[in-house]
């Protein structure tokens, strides 16, 4: 069974654009005014941007930490071999 990559899925702009569309559509069905719909859609997009940024920066930091750990292991091995 395949694992779902939740980090990638939650950082998808397409997902959050679809969520904003669904929320706006539901707001229209329930008769909310345009101002409220606009505010809700703006909030969804803003939250999505923050989530995408946090996830992306986390991936960048993870990659940098892995590289630093590999470099440290190589340096320790070089010192040990001397």
C-alpha atoms as a PDB file:
ATOM      1  CA  UNK A   1       0.000   0.000   0.000  1.00  0.00           C
ATOM      2  CA  UNK A   2       1.340   3.437  -0.929  1.00  0.00           C
ATOM      3  CA  UNK A   3       1.898   6.077   1.742  1.00  0.00           C
ATOM      4  CA  UNK A   4       0.338   9.470   1.137  1.00  0.00           C
ATOM      5  CA  UNK A   5       2.819  12.344   1.098  1.00  0.00           C
ATOM      6  CA  UNK A   6       0.769  14.735   3.235  1.00  0.00           C
ATOM      7  CA  UNK A   7       3.445  17.442   3.229  1.00  0.00           C
ATOM      8  CA  UNK A   8       3.348  17.644  -0.551  1.00  0.00           C
ATOM      9  CA  UNK A   9      -0.435  17.464  -0.716  1.00  0.00           C
ATOM     10  CA  UNK A  10      -1.001  20.166   1.914  1.00  0.00           C
ATOM     11  CA  UNK A  11       1.473  22.512   0.235  1.00  0.00           C
ATOM     12  CA  UNK A  12      -0.353  22.225  -3.103  1.00  0.00           C
ATOM     13  CA  UNK A  13      -1.705  25.544  -4.314  1.00  0.00           C
ATOM     14  CA  UNK A  14      -4.227  23.643  -6.425  1.00  0.00           C
ATOM     15  CA  UNK A  15      -5.675  22.030  -3.308  1.00  0.00           C
ATOM     16  CA  UNK A  16      -6.089  25.356  -1.549  1.00  0.00           C
ATOM     17  CA  UNK A  17      -7.533  27.044  -4.642  1.00  0.00           C
ATOM     18  CA  UNK A  18     -10.066  24.206  -4.839  1.00  0.00           C
ATOM     19  CA  UNK A  19     -10.848  24.591  -1.121  1.00  0.00           C
ATOM     20  CA  UNK A  20     -11.416  28.328  -1.596  1.00  0.00           C
ATOM     21  CA  UNK A  21     -13.697  27.552  -4.534  1.00  0.00           C
ATOM     22  CA  UNK A  22     -15.709  25.019  -2.546  1.00  0.00           C
ATOM     23  CA  UNK A  23     -16.051  27.363   0.421  1.00  0.00           C
ATOM     24  CA  UNK A  24     -17.111  30.228  -1.854  1.00  0.00           C
ATOM     25  CA  UNK A  25     -19.637  27.986  -3.573  1.00  0.00           C
ATOM     26  CA  UNK A  26     -21.097  26.866  -0.248  1.00  0.00           C
ATOM     27  CA  UNK A  27     -21.242  30.464   0.923  1.00  0.00           C
ATOM     28  CA  UNK A  28     -23.301  31.326  -2.170  1.00  0.00           C
ATOM     29  CA  UNK A  29     -25.658  28.422  -1.499  1.00  0.00           C
ATOM     30  CA  UNK A  30     -26.234  29.592   2.058  1.00  0.00           C
ATOM     31  CA  UNK A  31     -26.810  33.178   0.941  1.00  0.00           C
ATOM     32  CA  UNK A  32     -23.803  34.958   2.400  1.00  0.00           C
ATOM     33  CA  UNK A  33     -23.052  38.359   0.936  1.00  0.00           C
ATOM     34  CA  UNK A  34     -20.161  38.979  -1.443  1.00  0.00           C
ATOM     35  CA  UNK A  35     -18.105  40.764   1.180  1.00  0.00           C
ATOM     36  CA  UNK A  36     -18.212  37.786   3.532  1.00  0.00           C
ATOM     37  CA  UNK A  37     -17.411  35.348   0.708  1.00  0.00           C
ATOM     38  CA  UNK A  38     -14.470  37.480  -0.339  1.00  0.00           C
ATOM     39  CA  UNK A  39     -13.171  37.624   3.228  1.00  0.00           C
ATOM     40  CA  UNK A  40     -13.475  33.861   3.679  1.00  0.00           C
ATOM     41  CA  UNK A  41     -11.783  33.101   0.341  1.00  0.00           C
ATOM     42  CA  UNK A  42      -8.992  35.545   1.208  1.00  0.00           C
ATOM     43  CA  UNK A  43      -8.505  33.912   4.591  1.00  0.00           C
ATOM     44  CA  UNK A  44      -8.295  30.439   3.033  1.00  0.00           C
ATOM     45  CA  UNK A  45      -5.715  31.576   0.487  1.00  0.00           C
ATOM     46  CA  UNK A  46      -3.698  33.381   3.178  1.00  0.00           C
ATOM     47  CA  UNK A  47      -3.635  30.341   5.445  1.00  0.00           C
ATOM     48  CA  UNK A  48      -2.694  28.150   2.479  1.00  0.00           C
ATOM     49  CA  UNK A  49       0.236  30.427   1.658  1.00  0.00           C
ATOM     50  CA  UNK A  50       1.539  30.229   5.221  1.00  0.00           C
ATOM     51  CA  UNK A  51       1.174  26.442   5.331  1.00  0.00           C
ATOM     52  CA  UNK A  52       2.939  26.034   1.977  1.00  0.00           C
ATOM     53  CA  UNK A  53       5.767  28.306   3.130  1.00  0.00           C
ATOM     54  CA  UNK A  54       6.242  26.450   6.419  1.00  0.00           C
ATOM     55  CA  UNK A  55       6.253  23.035   4.740  1.00  0.00           C
ATOM     56  CA  UNK A  56       8.642  24.163   2.011  1.00  0.00           C
ATOM     57  CA  UNK A  57      11.055  25.749   4.470  1.00  0.00           C
ATOM     58  CA  UNK A  58      10.905  22.601   6.589  1.00  0.00           C
ATOM     59  CA  UNK A  59      11.934  20.522   3.577  1.00  0.00           C
ATOM     60  CA  UNK A  60      14.803  22.919   2.814  1.00  0.00           C
ATOM     61  CA  UNK A  61      15.990  22.799   6.442  1.00  0.00           C
ATOM     62  CA  UNK A  62      15.730  18.995   6.468  1.00  0.00           C
ATOM     63  CA  UNK A  63      17.885  18.724   3.347  1.00  0.00           C
ATOM     64  CA  UNK A  64      20.483  21.111   4.780  1.00  0.00           C
ATOM     65  CA  UNK A  65      20.599  19.174   8.073  1.00  0.00           C
ATOM     66  CA  UNK A  66      21.078  15.864   6.248  1.00  0.00           C
ATOM     67  CA  UNK A  67      23.919  17.339   4.186  1.00  0.00           C
ATOM     68  CA  UNK A  68      25.564  18.774   7.296  1.00  0.00           C
ATOM     69  CA  UNK A  69      25.311  15.393   9.055  1.00  0.00           C
ATOM     70  CA  UNK A  70      26.863  13.634   6.058  1.00  0.00           C
ATOM     71  CA  UNK A  71      29.688  16.190   5.931  1.00  0.00           C
ATOM     72  CA  UNK A  72      30.299  15.727   9.654  1.00  0.00           C
ATOM     73  CA  UNK A  73      30.430  11.942   9.280  1.00  0.00           C
ATOM     74  CA  UNK A  74      32.929  12.272   6.420  1.00  0.00           C
ATOM     75  CA  UNK A  75      35.085  14.658   8.473  1.00  0.00           C
ATOM     76  CA  UNK A  76      34.997  12.343  11.489  1.00  0.00           C
ATOM     77  CA  UNK A  77      35.956   9.418   9.255  1.00  0.00           C
ATOM     78  CA  UNK A  78      38.859  11.386   7.805  1.00  0.00           C
ATOM     79  CA  UNK A  79      40.144  12.276  11.281  1.00  0.00           C
ATOM     80  CA  UNK A  80      39.772   8.676  12.449  1.00  0.00           C
ATOM     81  CA  UNK A  81      41.700   7.371   9.427  1.00  0.00           C
ATOM     82  CA  UNK A  82      44.716   9.590  10.164  1.00  0.00           C
END
